[in-house]
Amino acid sequence: MGHRLNGNGNGSGKEVNVVRCSGDLNATEMVSMKTRFSRLLNQNRKFFLLDLKEAGHADLAGLGILVDRIRKVRSLKGDIRLFNIRPEVHHILNLIGLNQIIETYSTEEEARRSFRIA
């Protein structure tokens, strides 16, 4: 999993952080991401884009961890938004109703614009 910081870089917490998922949205991958998100939150980072280009499958355990992280980030007045979602993963999100609570975008630029951080 990779991470890239974009923004003004002044530590204000308004930077948009791009986190790349290096595999499927399963428990193993999401435990690793949970640790990454926790470290970034401890650095006052609150706005995240999750690139799912490499994720061809999602399971309930992995999605449960993702929802947990989204709730945590939102409780701190931030958010996690998804982009580059393969049709198979998008279908799973729709099937279990997560499309109602997780914002998804086709491209990184669309997802980035959705934050409209001043």
PDB file of N, CA and C in Angstrom:
ATOM      1  N   MET A   1       0.842  -1.174   0.000  1.00  0.00           N
ATOM      2  CA  MET A   1       0.000   0.000   0.000  1.00  0.00           C
ATOM      3  C   MET A   1       0.878   1.225   0.000  1.00  0.00           C
ATOM      4  N   GLY A   2       0.540   2.167  -0.845  1.00  0.00           N
ATOM      5  CA  GLY A   2       1.291   3.406  -0.896  1.00  0.00           C
ATOM      6  C   GLY A   2       0.480   4.549  -0.337  1.00  0.00           C
ATOM      7  N   HIS A   3       1.164   5.671  -0.134  1.00  0.00           N
ATOM      8  CA  HIS A   3       0.515   6.856   0.385  1.00  0.00           C
ATOM      9  C   HIS A   3       1.166   8.062  -0.266  1.00  0.00           C
ATOM     10  N   ARG A   4       0.361   9.022  -0.617  1.00  0.00           N
ATOM     11  CA  ARG A   4       0.883  10.251  -1.202  1.00  0.00           C
ATOM     12  C   ARG A   4       0.118  11.411  -0.603  1.00  0.00           C
ATOM     13  N   LEU A   5       0.834  12.427  -0.174  1.00  0.00           N
ATOM     14  CA  LEU A   5       0.232  13.613   0.420  1.00  0.00           C
ATOM     15  C   LEU A   5       0.138  14.697  -0.634  1.00  0.00           C
ATOM     16  N   ASN A   6      -1.016  15.318  -0.731  1.00  0.00           N
ATOM     17  CA  ASN A   6      -1.199  16.450  -1.625  1.00  0.00           C
ATOM     18  C   ASN A   6      -1.903  17.549  -0.851  1.00  0.00           C
ATOM     19  N   GLY A   7      -1.462  18.755  -1.012  1.00  0.00           N
ATOM     20  CA  GLY A   7      -2.085  19.876  -0.330  1.00  0.00           C
ATOM     21  C   GLY A   7      -1.048  20.921  -0.026  1.00  0.00           C
ATOM     22  N   ASN A   8      -1.371  21.781   0.937  1.00  0.00           N
ATOM     23  CA  ASN A   8      -0.463  22.875   1.221  1.00  0.00           C
ATOM     24  C   ASN A   8       0.696  22.462   2.109  1.00  0.00           C
ATOM     25  N   GLY A   9       0.644  21.283   2.720  1.00  0.00           N
ATOM     26  CA  GLY A   9       1.767  20.748   3.455  1.00  0.00           C
ATOM     27  C   GLY A   9       2.128  21.480   4.724  1.00  0.00           C
ATOM     28  N   ASN A  10       1.231  22.326   5.238  1.00  0.00           N
ATOM     29  CA  ASN A  10       1.568  23.084   6.426  1.00  0.00           C
ATOM     30  C   ASN A  10       1.121  22.415   7.715  1.00  0.00           C
ATOM     31  N   GLY A  11       0.644  21.179   7.624  1.00  0.00           N
ATOM     32  CA  GLY A  11       0.230  20.461   8.821  1.00  0.00           C
ATOM     33  C   GLY A  11      -1.108  20.925   9.379  1.00  0.00           C
ATOM     34  N   SER A  12      -1.862  21.668   8.588  1.00  0.00           N
ATOM     35  CA  SER A  12      -3.141  22.201   9.054  1.00  0.00           C
ATOM     36  C   SER A  12      -4.225  21.139   9.103  1.00  0.00           C
ATOM     37  N   GLY A  13      -3.966  19.962   8.540  1.00  0.00           N
ATOM     38  CA  GLY A  13      -4.981  18.924   8.503  1.00  0.00           C
ATOM     39  C   GLY A  13      -5.863  19.012   7.279  1.00  0.00           C
ATOM     40  N   LYS A  14      -5.658  20.028   6.424  1.00  0.00           N
ATOM     41  CA  LYS A  14      -6.500  20.212   5.247  1.00  0.00           C
ATOM     42  C   LYS A  14      -5.905  19.585   3.999  1.00  0.00           C
ATOM     43  N   GLU A  15      -4.803  18.888   4.130  1.00  0.00           N
ATOM     44  CA  GLU A  15      -4.205  18.209   3.001  1.00  0.00           C
ATOM     45  C   GLU A  15      -5.063  17.016   2.606  1.00  0.00           C
ATOM     46  N   VAL A  16      -5.045  16.695   1.329  1.00  0.00           N
ATOM     47  CA  VAL A  16      -5.735  15.508   0.844  1.00  0.00           C
ATOM     48  C   VAL A  16      -4.682  14.416   0.709  1.00  0.00           C
ATOM     49  N   ASN A  17      -4.900  13.317   1.378  1.00  0.00           N
ATOM     50  CA  ASN A  17      -3.972  12.193   1.400  1.00  0.00           C
ATOM     51  C   ASN A  17      -4.509  11.081   0.514  1.00  0.00           C
ATOM     52  N   VAL A  18      -3.703  10.646  -0.448  1.00  0.00           N
ATOM     53  CA  VAL A  18      -4.093   9.554  -1.329  1.00  0.00           C
ATOM     54  C   VAL A  18      -3.451   8.274  -0.802  1.00  0.00           C
ATOM     55  N   VAL A  19      -4.292   7.301  -0.487  1.00  0.00           N
ATOM     56  CA  VAL A  19      -3.822   6.002  -0.011  1.00  0.00           C
ATOM     57  C   VAL A  19      -4.181   4.982  -1.077  1.00  0.00           C
ATOM     58  N   ARG A  20      -3.194   4.219  -1.500  1.00  0.00           N
ATOM     59  CA  ARG A  20      -3.408   3.224  -2.547  1.00  0.00           C
ATOM     60  C   ARG A  20      -3.558   1.842  -1.937  1.00  0.00           C
ATOM     61  N   CYS A  21      -4.638   1.192  -2.270  1.00  0.00           N
ATOM     62  CA  CYS A  21      -4.881  -0.179  -1.828  1.00  0.00           C
ATOM     63  C   CYS A  21      -4.110  -1.100  -2.767  1.00  0.00           C
ATOM     64  N   SER A  22      -3.245  -1.924  -2.214  1.00  0.00           N
ATOM     65  CA  SER A  22      -2.388  -2.751  -3.069  1.00  0.00           C
ATOM     66  C   SER A  22      -2.968  -4.129  -3.358  1.00  0.00           C
ATOM     67  N   GLY A  23      -4.183  -4.374  -2.921  1.00  0.00           N
ATOM     68  CA  GLY A  23      -4.818  -5.662  -3.174  1.00  0.00           C
ATOM     69  C   GLY A  23      -6.309  -5.572  -2.925  1.00  0.00           C
ATOM     70  N   ASP A  24      -6.919  -6.714  -2.724  1.00  0.00           N
ATOM     71  CA  ASP A  24      -8.358  -6.763  -2.487  1.00  0.00           C
ATOM     72  C   ASP A  24      -8.727  -6.116  -1.159  1.00  0.00           C
ATOM     73  N   LEU A  25      -9.991  -5.722  -1.050  1.00  0.00           N
ATOM     74  CA  LEU A  25     -10.503  -5.179   0.208  1.00  0.00           C
ATOM     75  C   LEU A  25     -10.887  -6.344   1.112  1.00  0.00           C
ATOM     76  N   ASN A  26      -9.874  -6.976   1.672  1.00  0.00           N
ATOM     77  CA  ASN A  26     -10.106  -8.086   2.589  1.00  0.00           C
ATOM     78  C   ASN A  26      -9.540  -7.708   3.952  1.00  0.00           C
ATOM     79  N   ALA A  27      -9.728  -8.566   4.934  1.00  0.00           N
ATOM     80  CA  ALA A  27      -9.301  -8.258   6.303  1.00  0.00           C
ATOM     81  C   ALA A  27      -7.801  -7.996   6.378  1.00  0.00           C
ATOM     82  N   THR A  28      -6.995  -8.789   5.703  1.00  0.00           N
ATOM     83  CA  THR A  28      -5.545  -8.625   5.769  1.00  0.00           C
ATOM     84  C   THR A  28      -5.129  -7.258   5.254  1.00  0.00           C
ATOM     85  N   GLU A  29      -5.612  -6.878   4.086  1.00  0.00           N
ATOM     86  CA  GLU A  29      -5.268  -5.577   3.504  1.00  0.00           C
ATOM     87  C   GLU A  29      -5.798  -4.427   4.360  1.00  0.00           C
ATOM     88  N   MET A  30      -7.013  -4.575   4.868  1.00  0.00           N
ATOM     89  CA  MET A  30      -7.619  -3.486   5.620  1.00  0.00           C
ATOM     90  C   MET A  30      -7.001  -3.310   7.005  1.00  0.00           C
ATOM     91  N   VAL A  31      -6.488  -4.362   7.608  1.00  0.00           N
ATOM     92  CA  VAL A  31      -5.778  -4.201   8.882  1.00  0.00           C
ATOM     93  C   VAL A  31      -4.546  -3.336   8.647  1.00  0.00           C
ATOM     94  N   SER A  32      -3.855  -3.574   7.546  1.00  0.00           N
ATOM     95  CA  SER A  32      -2.696  -2.754   7.190  1.00  0.00           C
ATOM     96  C   SER A  32      -3.119  -1.305   6.959  1.00  0.00           C
ATOM     97  N   MET A  33      -4.211  -1.103   6.259  1.00  0.00           N
ATOM     98  CA  MET A  33      -4.705   0.250   6.008  1.00  0.00           C
ATOM     99  C   MET A  33      -5.157   0.934   7.288  1.00  0.00           C
ATOM    100  N   LYS A  34      -5.775   0.172   8.179  1.00  0.00           N
ATOM    101  CA  LYS A  34      -6.228   0.733   9.448  1.00  0.00           C
ATOM    102  C   LYS A  34      -5.048   1.333  10.206  1.00  0.00           C
ATOM    103  N   THR A  35      -3.934   0.634  10.208  1.00  0.00           N
ATOM    104  CA  THR A  35      -2.726   1.138  10.861  1.00  0.00           C
ATOM    105  C   THR A  35      -2.247   2.412  10.174  1.00  0.00           C
ATOM    106  N   ARG A  36      -2.240   2.422   8.847  1.00  0.00           N
ATOM    107  CA  ARG A  36      -1.810   3.600   8.089  1.00  0.00           C
ATOM    108  C   ARG A  36      -2.719   4.792   8.390  1.00  0.00           C
ATOM    109  N   PHE A  37      -4.037   4.578   8.358  1.00  0.00           N
ATOM    110  CA  PHE A  37      -4.963   5.663   8.653  1.00  0.00           C
ATOM    111  C   PHE A  37      -4.763   6.186  10.071  1.00  0.00           C
ATOM    112  N   SER A  38      -4.527   5.297  11.028  1.00  0.00           N
ATOM    113  CA  SER A  38      -4.306   5.720  12.412  1.00  0.00           C
ATOM    114  C   SER A  38      -3.079   6.616  12.519  1.00  0.00           C
ATOM    115  N   ARG A  39      -1.998   6.233  11.843  1.00  0.00           N
ATOM    116  CA  ARG A  39      -0.786   7.064  11.861  1.00  0.00           C
ATOM    117  C   ARG A  39      -1.052   8.444  11.259  1.00  0.00           C
ATOM    118  N   LEU A  40      -1.762   8.468  10.155  1.00  0.00           N
ATOM    119  CA  LEU A  40      -2.058   9.745   9.505  1.00  0.00           C
ATOM    120  C   LEU A  40      -2.985  10.604  10.366  1.00  0.00           C
ATOM    121  N   LEU A  41      -3.966   9.982  11.013  1.00  0.00           N
ATOM    122  CA  LEU A  41      -4.844  10.724  11.909  1.00  0.00           C
ATOM    123  C   LEU A  41      -4.058  11.321  13.070  1.00  0.00           C
ATOM    124  N   ASN A  42      -3.075  10.591  13.570  1.00  0.00           N
ATOM    125  CA  ASN A  42      -2.229  11.109  14.646  1.00  0.00           C
ATOM    126  C   ASN A  42      -1.390  12.297  14.188  1.00  0.00           C
ATOM    127  N   GLN A  43      -1.226  12.467  12.874  1.00  0.00           N
ATOM    128  CA  GLN A  43      -0.508  13.610  12.302  1.00  0.00           C
ATOM    129  C   GLN A  43      -1.480  14.723  11.907  1.00  0.00           C
ATOM    130  N   ASN A  44      -2.703  14.641  12.407  1.00  0.00           N
ATOM    131  CA  ASN A  44      -3.762  15.618  12.134  1.00  0.00           C
ATOM    132  C   ASN A  44      -4.203  15.622  10.674  1.00  0.00           C
ATOM    133  N   ARG A  45      -4.067  14.514   9.988  1.00  0.00           N
ATOM    134  CA  ARG A  45      -4.558  14.366   8.624  1.00  0.00           C
ATOM    135  C   ARG A  45      -5.994  13.834   8.721  1.00  0.00           C
ATOM    136  N   LYS A  46      -6.900  14.417   7.917  1.00  0.00           N
ATOM    137  CA  LYS A  46      -8.311  14.041   8.053  1.00  0.00           C
ATOM    138  C   LYS A  46      -9.029  13.779   6.738  1.00  0.00           C
ATOM    139  N   PHE A  47      -8.386  14.094   5.625  1.00  0.00           N
ATOM    140  CA  PHE A  47      -9.049  13.975   4.329  1.00  0.00           C
ATOM    141  C   PHE A  47      -8.304  12.965   3.475  1.00  0.00           C
ATOM    142  N   PHE A  48      -9.018  11.887   3.111  1.00  0.00           N
ATOM    143  CA  PHE A  48      -8.374  10.762   2.449  1.00  0.00           C
ATOM    144  C   PHE A  48      -9.103  10.363   1.181  1.00  0.00           C
ATOM    145  N   LEU A  49      -8.305  10.008   0.179  1.00  0.00           N
ATOM    146  CA  LEU A  49      -8.806   9.374  -1.032  1.00  0.00           C
ATOM    147  C   LEU A  49      -8.211   7.974  -1.053  1.00  0.00           C
ATOM    148  N   LEU A  50      -9.048   6.975  -1.211  1.00  0.00           N
ATOM    149  CA  LEU A  50      -8.598   5.591  -1.251  1.00  0.00           C
ATOM    150  C   LEU A  50      -8.696   5.080  -2.688  1.00  0.00           C
ATOM    151  N   ASP A  51      -7.537   4.805  -3.279  1.00  0.00           N
ATOM    152  CA  ASP A  51      -7.450   4.322  -4.655  1.00  0.00           C
ATOM    153  C   ASP A  51      -7.622   2.810  -4.660  1.00  0.00           C
ATOM    154  N   LEU A  52      -8.706   2.353  -5.295  1.00  0.00           N
ATOM    155  CA  LEU A  52      -9.027   0.921  -5.317  1.00  0.00           C
ATOM    156  C   LEU A  52      -8.746   0.280  -6.673  1.00  0.00           C
ATOM    157  N   LYS A  53      -7.846   0.854  -7.435  1.00  0.00           N
ATOM    158  CA  LYS A  53      -7.518   0.336  -8.767  1.00  0.00           C
ATOM    159  C   LYS A  53      -7.100  -1.135  -8.730  1.00  0.00           C
ATOM    160  N   GLU A  54      -6.361  -1.544  -7.696  1.00  0.00           N
ATOM    161  CA  GLU A  54      -5.850  -2.911  -7.589  1.00  0.00           C
ATOM    162  C   GLU A  54      -6.822  -3.879  -6.920  1.00  0.00           C
ATOM    163  N   ALA A  55      -7.920  -3.373  -6.377  1.00  0.00           N
ATOM    164  CA  ALA A  55      -8.864  -4.225  -5.653  1.00  0.00           C
ATOM    165  C   ALA A  55      -9.885  -4.833  -6.615  1.00  0.00           C
ATOM    166  N   GLY A  56      -9.795  -6.145  -6.801  1.00  0.00           N
ATOM    167  CA  GLY A  56     -10.735  -6.836  -7.674  1.00  0.00           C
ATOM    168  C   GLY A  56     -11.850  -7.526  -6.916  1.00  0.00           C
ATOM    169  N   HIS A  57     -11.747  -7.533  -5.589  1.00  0.00           N
ATOM    170  CA  HIS A  57     -12.740  -8.203  -4.752  1.00  0.00           C
ATOM    171  C   HIS A  57     -12.795  -7.502  -3.401  1.00  0.00           C
ATOM    172  N   ALA A  58     -13.935  -7.607  -2.750  1.00  0.00           N
ATOM    173  CA  ALA A  58     -14.094  -7.090  -1.392  1.00  0.00           C
ATOM    174  C   ALA A  58     -14.865  -8.126  -0.590  1.00  0.00           C
ATOM    175  N   ASP A  59     -14.469  -8.316   0.680  1.00  0.00           N
ATOM    176  CA  ASP A  59     -15.241  -9.216   1.541  1.00  0.00           C
ATOM    177  C   ASP A  59     -15.788  -8.432   2.732  1.00  0.00           C
ATOM    178  N   LEU A  60     -16.718  -9.052   3.439  1.00  0.00           N
ATOM    179  CA  LEU A  60     -17.392  -8.346   4.532  1.00  0.00           C
ATOM    180  C   LEU A  60     -16.440  -7.931   5.641  1.00  0.00           C
ATOM    181  N   ALA A  61     -15.456  -8.748   5.955  1.00  0.00           N
ATOM    182  CA  ALA A  61     -14.504  -8.391   7.012  1.00  0.00           C
ATOM    183  C   ALA A  61     -13.720  -7.139   6.622  1.00  0.00           C
ATOM    184  N   GLY A  62     -13.230  -7.105   5.403  1.00  0.00           N
ATOM    185  CA  GLY A  62     -12.487  -5.945   4.930  1.00  0.00           C
ATOM    186  C   GLY A  62     -13.344  -4.697   4.887  1.00  0.00           C
ATOM    187  N   LEU A  63     -14.568  -4.835   4.398  1.00  0.00           N
ATOM    188  CA  LEU A  63     -15.468  -3.690   4.329  1.00  0.00           C
ATOM    189  C   LEU A  63     -15.860  -3.209   5.725  1.00  0.00           C
ATOM    190  N   GLY A  64     -15.978  -4.139   6.662  1.00  0.00           N
ATOM    191  CA  GLY A  64     -16.279  -3.755   8.045  1.00  0.00           C
ATOM    192  C   GLY A  64     -15.183  -2.882   8.632  1.00  0.00           C
ATOM    193  N   ILE A  65     -13.942  -3.238   8.355  1.00  0.00           N
ATOM    194  CA  ILE A  65     -12.809  -2.438   8.838  1.00  0.00           C
ATOM    195  C   ILE A  65     -12.814  -1.070   8.153  1.00  0.00           C
ATOM    196  N   LEU A  66     -13.108  -1.042   6.859  1.00  0.00           N
ATOM    197  CA  LEU A  66     -13.181   0.226   6.137  1.00  0.00           C
ATOM    198  C   LEU A  66     -14.263   1.128   6.736  1.00  0.00           C
ATOM    199  N   VAL A  67     -15.432   0.579   6.990  1.00  0.00           N
ATOM    200  CA  VAL A  67     -16.521   1.365   7.582  1.00  0.00           C
ATOM    201  C   VAL A  67     -16.109   1.884   8.967  1.00  0.00           C
ATOM    202  N   ASP A  68     -15.413   1.069   9.743  1.00  0.00           N
ATOM    203  CA  ASP A  68     -14.920   1.498  11.042  1.00  0.00           C
ATOM    204  C   ASP A  68     -13.994   2.704  10.899  1.00  0.00           C
ATOM    205  N   ARG A  69     -13.082   2.652   9.929  1.00  0.00           N
ATOM    206  CA  ARG A  69     -12.153   3.772   9.709  1.00  0.00           C
ATOM    207  C   ARG A  69     -12.897   5.016   9.244  1.00  0.00           C
ATOM    208  N   ILE A  70     -13.883   4.836   8.366  1.00  0.00           N
ATOM    209  CA  ILE A  70     -14.664   5.983   7.892  1.00  0.00           C
ATOM    210  C   ILE A  70     -15.384   6.643   9.059  1.00  0.00           C
ATOM    211  N   ARG A  71     -15.978   5.853   9.926  1.00  0.00           N
ATOM    212  CA  ARG A  71     -16.661   6.418  11.107  1.00  0.00           C
ATOM    213  C   ARG A  71     -15.694   7.185  11.988  1.00  0.00           C
ATOM    214  N   LYS A  72     -14.506   6.619  12.202  1.00  0.00           N
ATOM    215  CA  LYS A  72     -13.492   7.271  13.030  1.00  0.00           C
ATOM    216  C   LYS A  72     -13.079   8.602  12.415  1.00  0.00           C
ATOM    217  N   VAL A  73     -12.776   8.601  11.114  1.00  0.00           N
ATOM    218  CA  VAL A  73     -12.346   9.821  10.429  1.00  0.00           C
ATOM    219  C   VAL A  73     -13.461  10.862  10.440  1.00  0.00           C
ATOM    220  N   ARG A  74     -14.684  10.446  10.200  1.00  0.00           N
ATOM    221  CA  ARG A  74     -15.806  11.393  10.207  1.00  0.00           C
ATOM    222  C   ARG A  74     -16.042  11.974  11.595  1.00  0.00           C
ATOM    223  N   SER A  75     -15.793  11.192  12.626  1.00  0.00           N
ATOM    224  CA  SER A  75     -15.953  11.708  13.996  1.00  0.00           C
ATOM    225  C   SER A  75     -14.943  12.820  14.279  1.00  0.00           C
ATOM    226  N   LEU A  76     -13.872  12.864  13.500  1.00  0.00           N
ATOM    227  CA  LEU A  76     -12.846  13.901  13.634  1.00  0.00           C
ATOM    228  C   LEU A  76     -13.023  15.004  12.587  1.00  0.00           C
ATOM    229  N   LYS A  77     -14.212  15.047  11.970  1.00  0.00           N
ATOM    230  CA  LYS A  77     -14.558  16.059  10.966  1.00  0.00           C
ATOM    231  C   LYS A  77     -13.779  15.914   9.655  1.00  0.00           C
ATOM    232  N   GLY A  78     -13.447  14.685   9.301  1.00  0.00           N
ATOM    233  CA  GLY A  78     -12.783  14.394   8.034  1.00  0.00           C
ATOM    234  C   GLY A  78     -13.619  13.410   7.238  1.00  0.00           C
ATOM    235  N   ASP A  79     -13.005  12.802   6.218  1.00  0.00           N
ATOM    236  CA  ASP A  79     -13.725  11.793   5.441  1.00  0.00           C
ATOM    237  C   ASP A  79     -12.749  10.968   4.610  1.00  0.00           C
ATOM    238  N   ILE A  80     -13.214   9.797   4.208  1.00  0.00           N
ATOM    239  CA  ILE A  80     -12.512   8.911   3.289  1.00  0.00           C
ATOM    240  C   ILE A  80     -13.422   8.729   2.085  1.00  0.00           C
ATOM    241  N   ARG A  81     -12.892   8.987   0.905  1.00  0.00           N
ATOM    242  CA  ARG A  81     -13.658   8.805  -0.326  1.00  0.00           C
ATOM    243  C   ARG A  81     -12.904   7.851  -1.236  1.00  0.00           C
ATOM    244  N   LEU A  82     -13.646   7.058  -1.974  1.00  0.00           N
ATOM    245  CA  LEU A  82     -13.061   6.012  -2.810  1.00  0.00           C
ATOM    246  C   LEU A  82     -13.065   6.418  -4.277  1.00  0.00           C
ATOM    247  N   PHE A  83     -12.038   5.970  -5.000  1.00  0.00           N
ATOM    248  CA  PHE A  83     -12.014   6.200  -6.449  1.00  0.00           C
ATOM    249  C   PHE A  83     -11.306   5.042  -7.136  1.00  0.00           C
ATOM    250  N   ASN A  84     -11.413   5.010  -8.468  1.00  0.00           N
ATOM    251  CA  ASN A  84     -10.861   3.918  -9.285  1.00  0.00           C
ATOM    252  C   ASN A  84     -11.441   2.563  -8.867  1.00  0.00           C
ATOM    253  N   ILE A  85     -12.717   2.505  -8.709  1.00  0.00           N
ATOM    254  CA  ILE A  85     -13.364   1.278  -8.229  1.00  0.00           C
ATOM    255  C   ILE A  85     -13.722   0.391  -9.406  1.00  0.00           C
ATOM    256  N   ARG A  86     -13.266  -0.840  -9.343  1.00  0.00           N
ATOM    257  CA  ARG A  86     -13.613  -1.813 -10.383  1.00  0.00           C
ATOM    258  C   ARG A  86     -15.100  -2.174 -10.268  1.00  0.00           C
ATOM    259  N   PRO A  87     -15.708  -2.547 -11.391  1.00  0.00           N
ATOM    260  CA  PRO A  87     -17.138  -2.883 -11.383  1.00  0.00           C
ATOM    261  C   PRO A  87     -17.497  -3.964 -10.360  1.00  0.00           C
ATOM    262  N   GLU A  88     -16.624  -4.969 -10.177  1.00  0.00           N
ATOM    263  CA  GLU A  88     -16.926  -6.054  -9.233  1.00  0.00           C
ATOM    264  C   GLU A  88     -17.044  -5.521  -7.800  1.00  0.00           C
ATOM    265  N   VAL A  89     -16.149  -4.633  -7.438  1.00  0.00           N
ATOM    266  CA  VAL A  89     -16.171  -4.064  -6.087  1.00  0.00           C
ATOM    267  C   VAL A  89     -17.348  -3.109  -5.947  1.00  0.00           C
ATOM    268  N   HIS A  90     -17.610  -2.320  -6.972  1.00  0.00           N
ATOM    269  CA  HIS A  90     -18.750  -1.399  -6.941  1.00  0.00           C
ATOM    270  C   HIS A  90     -20.047  -2.180  -6.761  1.00  0.00           C
ATOM    271  N   HIS A  91     -20.160  -3.313  -7.442  1.00  0.00           N
ATOM    272  CA  HIS A  91     -21.346  -4.162  -7.321  1.00  0.00           C
ATOM    273  C   HIS A  91     -21.518  -4.658  -5.877  1.00  0.00           C
ATOM    274  N   ILE A  92     -20.432  -5.064  -5.239  1.00  0.00           N
ATOM    275  CA  ILE A  92     -20.502  -5.532  -3.846  1.00  0.00           C
ATOM    276  C   ILE A  92     -20.949  -4.393  -2.926  1.00  0.00           C
ATOM    277  N   LEU A  93     -20.400  -3.194  -3.129  1.00  0.00           N
ATOM    278  CA  LEU A  93     -20.813  -2.042  -2.316  1.00  0.00           C
ATOM    279  C   LEU A  93     -22.306  -1.789  -2.458  1.00  0.00           C
ATOM    280  N   ASN A  94     -22.816  -1.880  -3.679  1.00  0.00           N
ATOM    281  CA  ASN A  94     -24.248  -1.684  -3.925  1.00  0.00           C
ATOM    282  C   ASN A  94     -25.080  -2.787  -3.287  1.00  0.00           C
ATOM    283  N   LEU A  95     -24.624  -4.034  -3.414  1.00  0.00           N
ATOM    284  CA  LEU A  95     -25.379  -5.169  -2.871  1.00  0.00           C
ATOM    285  C   LEU A  95     -25.610  -5.062  -1.376  1.00  0.00           C
ATOM    286  N   ILE A  96     -24.593  -4.623  -0.658  1.00  0.00           N
ATOM    287  CA  ILE A  96     -24.740  -4.572   0.805  1.00  0.00           C
ATOM    288  C   ILE A  96     -25.120  -3.183   1.320  1.00  0.00           C
ATOM    289  N   GLY A  97     -25.371  -2.260   0.398  1.00  0.00           N
ATOM    290  CA  GLY A  97     -25.874  -0.947   0.780  1.00  0.00           C
ATOM    291  C   GLY A  97     -24.832   0.071   1.214  1.00  0.00           C
ATOM    292  N   LEU A  98     -23.561  -0.244   1.044  1.00  0.00           N
ATOM    293  CA  LEU A  98     -22.531   0.711   1.460  1.00  0.00           C
ATOM    294  C   LEU A  98     -22.445   1.915   0.533  1.00  0.00           C
ATOM    295  N   ASN A  99     -22.997   1.795  -0.669  1.00  0.00           N
ATOM    296  CA  ASN A  99     -23.009   2.935  -1.575  1.00  0.00           C
ATOM    297  C   ASN A  99     -23.817   4.097  -1.002  1.00  0.00           C
ATOM    298  N   GLN A 100     -24.630   3.822   0.010  1.00  0.00           N
ATOM    299  CA  GLN A 100     -25.432   4.863   0.666  1.00  0.00           C
ATOM    300  C   GLN A 100     -24.607   5.691   1.647  1.00  0.00           C
ATOM    301  N   ILE A 101     -23.505   5.117   2.157  1.00  0.00           N
ATOM    302  CA  ILE A 101     -22.722   5.836   3.170  1.00  0.00           C
ATOM    303  C   ILE A 101     -21.290   6.152   2.750  1.00  0.00           C
ATOM    304  N   ILE A 102     -20.829   5.546   1.667  1.00  0.00           N
ATOM    305  CA  ILE A 102     -19.463   5.772   1.199  1.00  0.00           C
ATOM    306  C   ILE A 102     -19.528   6.478  -0.149  1.00  0.00           C
ATOM    307  N   GLU A 103     -18.855   7.629  -0.241  1.00  0.00           N
ATOM    308  CA  GLU A 103     -18.816   8.361  -1.507  1.00  0.00           C
ATOM    309  C   GLU A 103     -17.772   7.742  -2.424  1.00  0.00           C
ATOM    310  N   THR A 104     -18.175   7.495  -3.674  1.00  0.00           N
ATOM    311  CA  THR A 104     -17.277   6.891  -4.655  1.00  0.00           C
ATOM    312  C   THR A 104     -17.192   7.782  -5.891  1.00  0.00           C
ATOM    313  N   TYR A 105     -16.031   7.755  -6.523  1.00  0.00           N
ATOM    314  CA  TYR A 105     -15.773   8.573  -7.700  1.00  0.00           C
ATOM    315  C   TYR A 105     -14.994   7.760  -8.722  1.00  0.00           C
ATOM    316  N   SER A 106     -15.139   8.128  -9.975  1.00  0.00           N
ATOM    317  CA  SER A 106     -14.438   7.419 -11.048  1.00  0.00           C
ATOM    318  C   SER A 106     -12.954   7.730 -11.060  1.00  0.00           C
ATOM    319  N   THR A 107     -12.614   8.998 -10.839  1.00  0.00           N
ATOM    320  CA  THR A 107     -11.218   9.417 -10.946  1.00  0.00           C
ATOM    321  C   THR A 107     -10.743  10.099  -9.671  1.00  0.00           C
ATOM    322  N   GLU A 108      -9.432  10.170  -9.544  1.00  0.00           N
ATOM    323  CA  GLU A 108      -8.837  10.873  -8.402  1.00  0.00           C
ATOM    324  C   GLU A 108      -9.220  12.351  -8.424  1.00  0.00           C
ATOM    325  N   GLU A 109      -9.228  12.953  -9.591  1.00  0.00           N
ATOM    326  CA  GLU A 109      -9.561  14.375  -9.693  1.00  0.00           C
ATOM    327  C   GLU A 109     -10.984  14.659  -9.219  1.00  0.00           C
ATOM    328  N   GLU A 110     -11.940  13.811  -9.621  1.00  0.00           N
ATOM    329  CA  GLU A 110     -13.323  13.979  -9.153  1.00  0.00           C
ATOM    330  C   GLU A 110     -13.398  13.861  -7.638  1.00  0.00           C
ATOM    331  N   ALA A 111     -12.730  12.860  -7.106  1.00  0.00           N
ATOM    332  CA  ALA A 111     -12.743  12.652  -5.653  1.00  0.00           C
ATOM    333  C   ALA A 111     -12.099  13.827  -4.927  1.00  0.00           C
ATOM    334  N   ARG A 112     -10.994  14.310  -5.457  1.00  0.00           N
ATOM    335  CA  ARG A 112     -10.286  15.443  -4.856  1.00  0.00           C
ATOM    336  C   ARG A 112     -11.171  16.687  -4.844  1.00  0.00           C
ATOM    337  N   ARG A 113     -11.822  16.955  -5.973  1.00  0.00           N
ATOM    338  CA  ARG A 113     -12.712  18.128  -6.070  1.00  0.00           C
ATOM    339  C   ARG A 113     -13.868  18.038  -5.085  1.00  0.00           C
ATOM    340  N   SER A 114     -14.296  16.839  -4.752  1.00  0.00           N
ATOM    341  CA  SER A 114     -15.438  16.676  -3.853  1.00  0.00           C
ATOM    342  C   SER A 114     -15.176  17.237  -2.459  1.00  0.00           C
ATOM    343  N   PHE A 115     -13.913  17.353  -2.076  1.00  0.00           N
ATOM    344  CA  PHE A 115     -13.588  17.900  -0.757  1.00  0.00           C
ATOM    345  C   PHE A 115     -13.728  19.415  -0.709  1.00  0.00           C
ATOM    346  N   ARG A 116     -13.398  20.088  -1.790  1.00  0.00           N
ATOM    347  CA  ARG A 116     -13.478  21.559  -1.836  1.00  0.00           C
ATOM    348  C   ARG A 116     -12.888  22.203  -0.607  1.00  0.00           C
ATOM    349  N   ILE A 117     -11.660  21.824  -0.316  1.00  0.00           N
ATOM    350  CA  ILE A 117     -10.967  22.341   0.864  1.00  0.00           C
ATOM    351  C   ILE A 117     -10.392  23.709   0.524  1.00  0.00           C
ATOM    352  N   ALA A 118     -10.703  24.655   1.364  1.00  0.00           N
ATOM    353  CA  ALA A 118     -10.205  26.040   1.138  1.00  0.00           C
ATOM    354  C   ALA A 118      -8.788  26.177   1.667  1.00  0.00           C
TER     355      ALA A 118
END
